[in-house]
């Protein structure tokens, strides 16, 4: 997405609970940042607002280009074993969001 990013989180062998998400904007400034989640695959249904649940909003988050920002979800994302859920981080800036996987992420 031009103003955000969608990705899937897969619980391979056991339940996973996501409480925080890091992202790295590719611009500096202030923007509204929202995080949405939903169970299942990104497609189909990625463009249907009713399928997404808003779990974080900051109306004026300070963004610094290529600087990791941590958001704490208002409601944990609970993913049962052998299931997947989607995360969508959206910003109102006109640039976008960079995201990358860290080697320290544990998979189950």
C-alpha atoms as a PDB file:
ATOM      1  CA  UNK A   1       0.000   0.000   0.000  1.00  0.00           C
ATOM      2  CA  UNK A   2       1.247   3.482  -0.793  1.00  0.00           C
ATOM      3  CA  UNK A   3       0.464   4.803   2.691  1.00  0.00           C
ATOM      4  CA  UNK A   4       1.045   1.616   4.630  1.00  0.00           C
ATOM      5  CA  UNK A   5       1.787  -2.068   4.531  1.00  0.00           C
ATOM      6  CA  UNK A   6      -0.160  -5.314   4.895  1.00  0.00           C
ATOM      7  CA  UNK A   7       1.412  -8.580   5.982  1.00  0.00           C
ATOM      8  CA  UNK A   8       0.426 -11.959   7.386  1.00  0.00           C
ATOM      9  CA  UNK A   9       1.546 -13.528  10.669  1.00  0.00           C
ATOM     10  CA  UNK A  10       1.455 -17.336  10.762  1.00  0.00           C
ATOM     11  CA  UNK A  11       1.330 -19.412  13.965  1.00  0.00           C
ATOM     12  CA  UNK A  12       3.093 -22.529  12.706  1.00  0.00           C
ATOM     13  CA  UNK A  13       3.003 -24.921  15.676  1.00  0.00           C
ATOM     14  CA  UNK A  14       1.462 -23.118  18.639  1.00  0.00           C
ATOM     15  CA  UNK A  15      -0.675 -20.106  19.520  1.00  0.00           C
ATOM     16  CA  UNK A  16       0.950 -16.703  18.976  1.00  0.00           C
ATOM     17  CA  UNK A  17      -0.167 -13.492  20.668  1.00  0.00           C
ATOM     18  CA  UNK A  18       1.014 -10.237  19.071  1.00  0.00           C
ATOM     19  CA  UNK A  19       0.939  -7.239  21.418  1.00  0.00           C
ATOM     20  CA  UNK A  20       3.395  -4.884  19.686  1.00  0.00           C
ATOM     21  CA  UNK A  21       4.505  -4.165  16.131  1.00  0.00           C
ATOM     22  CA  UNK A  22       7.545  -2.254  14.885  1.00  0.00           C
ATOM     23  CA  UNK A  23       7.637  -0.367  11.629  1.00  0.00           C
ATOM     24  CA  UNK A  24      10.006   1.998   9.920  1.00  0.00           C
ATOM     25  CA  UNK A  25       8.608   4.976   7.984  1.00  0.00           C
ATOM     26  CA  UNK A  26      10.438   6.209   4.911  1.00  0.00           C
ATOM     27  CA  UNK A  27       9.627   9.841   5.633  1.00  0.00           C
ATOM     28  CA  UNK A  28       9.979  12.366   8.462  1.00  0.00           C
ATOM     29  CA  UNK A  29       7.020  14.337   9.789  1.00  0.00           C
ATOM     30  CA  UNK A  30       3.783  13.913  11.693  1.00  0.00           C
ATOM     31  CA  UNK A  31       0.991  11.616  10.564  1.00  0.00           C
ATOM     32  CA  UNK A  32      -1.978   9.689  11.802  1.00  0.00           C
ATOM     33  CA  UNK A  33      -1.028   6.036  12.235  1.00  0.00           C
ATOM     34  CA  UNK A  34      -3.554   3.218  12.523  1.00  0.00           C
ATOM     35  CA  UNK A  35      -3.119  -0.527  12.808  1.00  0.00           C
ATOM     36  CA  UNK A  36      -5.810  -2.957  11.711  1.00  0.00           C
ATOM     37  CA  UNK A  37      -5.992  -6.741  12.046  1.00  0.00           C
ATOM     38  CA  UNK A  38      -8.167  -9.556  10.785  1.00  0.00           C
ATOM     39  CA  UNK A  39      -8.015 -13.368  10.762  1.00  0.00           C
ATOM     40  CA  UNK A  40      -7.108 -15.298   7.628  1.00  0.00           C
ATOM     41  CA  UNK A  41      -5.354 -14.362   4.411  1.00  0.00           C
ATOM     42  CA  UNK A  42      -4.908 -10.832   3.122  1.00  0.00           C
ATOM     43  CA  UNK A  43      -6.711 -11.675  -0.134  1.00  0.00           C
ATOM     44  CA  UNK A  44      -9.635 -11.858  -0.611  1.00  0.00           C
ATOM     45  CA  UNK A  45     -11.198  -9.143   1.498  1.00  0.00           C
ATOM     46  CA  UNK A  46      -8.258  -6.781   1.787  1.00  0.00           C
ATOM     47  CA  UNK A  47     -10.288  -3.867   0.391  1.00  0.00           C
ATOM     48  CA  UNK A  48     -13.394  -4.505   2.531  1.00  0.00           C
ATOM     49  CA  UNK A  49     -13.233  -2.158   5.543  1.00  0.00           C
ATOM     50  CA  UNK A  50     -15.809  -4.215   7.447  1.00  0.00           C
ATOM     51  CA  UNK A  51     -13.344  -7.139   7.536  1.00  0.00           C
ATOM     52  CA  UNK A  52     -10.691  -5.181   9.481  1.00  0.00           C
ATOM     53  CA  UNK A  53     -10.578  -4.312  13.202  1.00  0.00           C
ATOM     54  CA  UNK A  54      -8.754  -1.144  14.303  1.00  0.00           C
ATOM     55  CA  UNK A  55      -6.433  -2.032  17.207  1.00  0.00           C
ATOM     56  CA  UNK A  56      -4.263   1.111  17.368  1.00  0.00           C
ATOM     57  CA  UNK A  57      -4.666   4.797  16.536  1.00  0.00           C
ATOM     58  CA  UNK A  58      -2.305   7.712  17.066  1.00  0.00           C
ATOM     59  CA  UNK A  59      -3.658  10.897  15.468  1.00  0.00           C
ATOM     60  CA  UNK A  60      -0.262  12.681  15.486  1.00  0.00           C
ATOM     61  CA  UNK A  61       2.619  10.234  15.582  1.00  0.00           C
ATOM     62  CA  UNK A  62       6.064  11.677  14.981  1.00  0.00           C
ATOM     63  CA  UNK A  63       7.713   9.790  12.117  1.00  0.00           C
ATOM     64  CA  UNK A  64      11.451   9.767  11.510  1.00  0.00           C
ATOM     65  CA  UNK A  65      12.696   8.300   8.248  1.00  0.00           C
ATOM     66  CA  UNK A  66      14.301   4.853   8.653  1.00  0.00           C
ATOM     67  CA  UNK A  67      13.848   4.997  12.439  1.00  0.00           C
ATOM     68  CA  UNK A  68      11.948   2.077  13.974  1.00  0.00           C
ATOM     69  CA  UNK A  69       8.735   2.975  15.760  1.00  0.00           C
ATOM     70  CA  UNK A  70       6.989   0.654  18.190  1.00  0.00           C
ATOM     71  CA  UNK A  71       3.223   0.568  18.479  1.00  0.00           C
ATOM     72  CA  UNK A  72       1.406  -1.277  21.257  1.00  0.00           C
ATOM     73  CA  UNK A  73      -1.875  -2.759  20.138  1.00  0.00           C
ATOM     74  CA  UNK A  74      -4.980  -1.773  22.131  1.00  0.00           C
ATOM     75  CA  UNK A  75      -6.109  -5.388  21.835  1.00  0.00           C
ATOM     76  CA  UNK A  76      -3.696  -8.308  21.418  1.00  0.00           C
ATOM     77  CA  UNK A  77      -3.835 -10.220  18.150  1.00  0.00           C
ATOM     78  CA  UNK A  78      -4.458 -13.838  19.181  1.00  0.00           C
ATOM     79  CA  UNK A  79      -3.530 -16.342  16.459  1.00  0.00           C
ATOM     80  CA  UNK A  80      -4.386 -19.999  17.131  1.00  0.00           C
ATOM     81  CA  UNK A  81      -1.879 -22.710  16.190  1.00  0.00           C
ATOM     82  CA  UNK A  82      -1.808 -23.517  12.449  1.00  0.00           C
ATOM     83  CA  UNK A  83      -3.700 -20.303  11.595  1.00  0.00           C
ATOM     84  CA  UNK A  84      -2.787 -16.926  10.143  1.00  0.00           C
ATOM     85  CA  UNK A  85      -3.893 -13.339  10.641  1.00  0.00           C
ATOM     86  CA  UNK A  86      -3.290 -10.115   8.762  1.00  0.00           C
ATOM     87  CA  UNK A  87      -1.863  -6.832   9.995  1.00  0.00           C
ATOM     88  CA  UNK A  88      -2.278  -3.523   8.172  1.00  0.00           C
ATOM     89  CA  UNK A  89      -0.319  -0.454   9.296  1.00  0.00           C
ATOM     90  CA  UNK A  90      -1.682   2.692   7.664  1.00  0.00           C
ATOM     91  CA  UNK A  91      -0.343   6.258   7.781  1.00  0.00           C
ATOM     92  CA  UNK A  92      -1.710   9.517   6.403  1.00  0.00           C
ATOM     93  CA  UNK A  93       1.704  10.634   5.161  1.00  0.00           C
ATOM     94  CA  UNK A  94       2.228  10.782   1.418  1.00  0.00           C
ATOM     95  CA  UNK A  95       5.311   8.577   1.344  1.00  0.00           C
ATOM     96  CA  UNK A  96       4.960   5.147   2.898  1.00  0.00           C
ATOM     97  CA  UNK A  97       6.120   2.568   5.388  1.00  0.00           C
ATOM     98  CA  UNK A  98       9.237   0.436   5.170  1.00  0.00           C
ATOM     99  CA  UNK A  99       9.063  -2.899   6.966  1.00  0.00           C
ATOM    100  CA  UNK A 100      11.552  -5.670   7.385  1.00  0.00           C
ATOM    101  CA  UNK A 101      11.874  -8.929   9.262  1.00  0.00           C
ATOM    102  CA  UNK A 102      14.349  -9.082  12.105  1.00  0.00           C
ATOM    103  CA  UNK A 103      16.510 -12.114  12.751  1.00  0.00           C
ATOM    104  CA  UNK A 104      15.371 -12.058  16.382  1.00  0.00           C
ATOM    105  CA  UNK A 105      11.756 -12.936  15.529  1.00  0.00           C
ATOM    106  CA  UNK A 106      10.757 -16.298  16.994  1.00  0.00           C
ATOM    107  CA  UNK A 107       8.572 -18.611  14.948  1.00  0.00           C
ATOM    108  CA  UNK A 108       6.484 -21.409  16.393  1.00  0.00           C
END
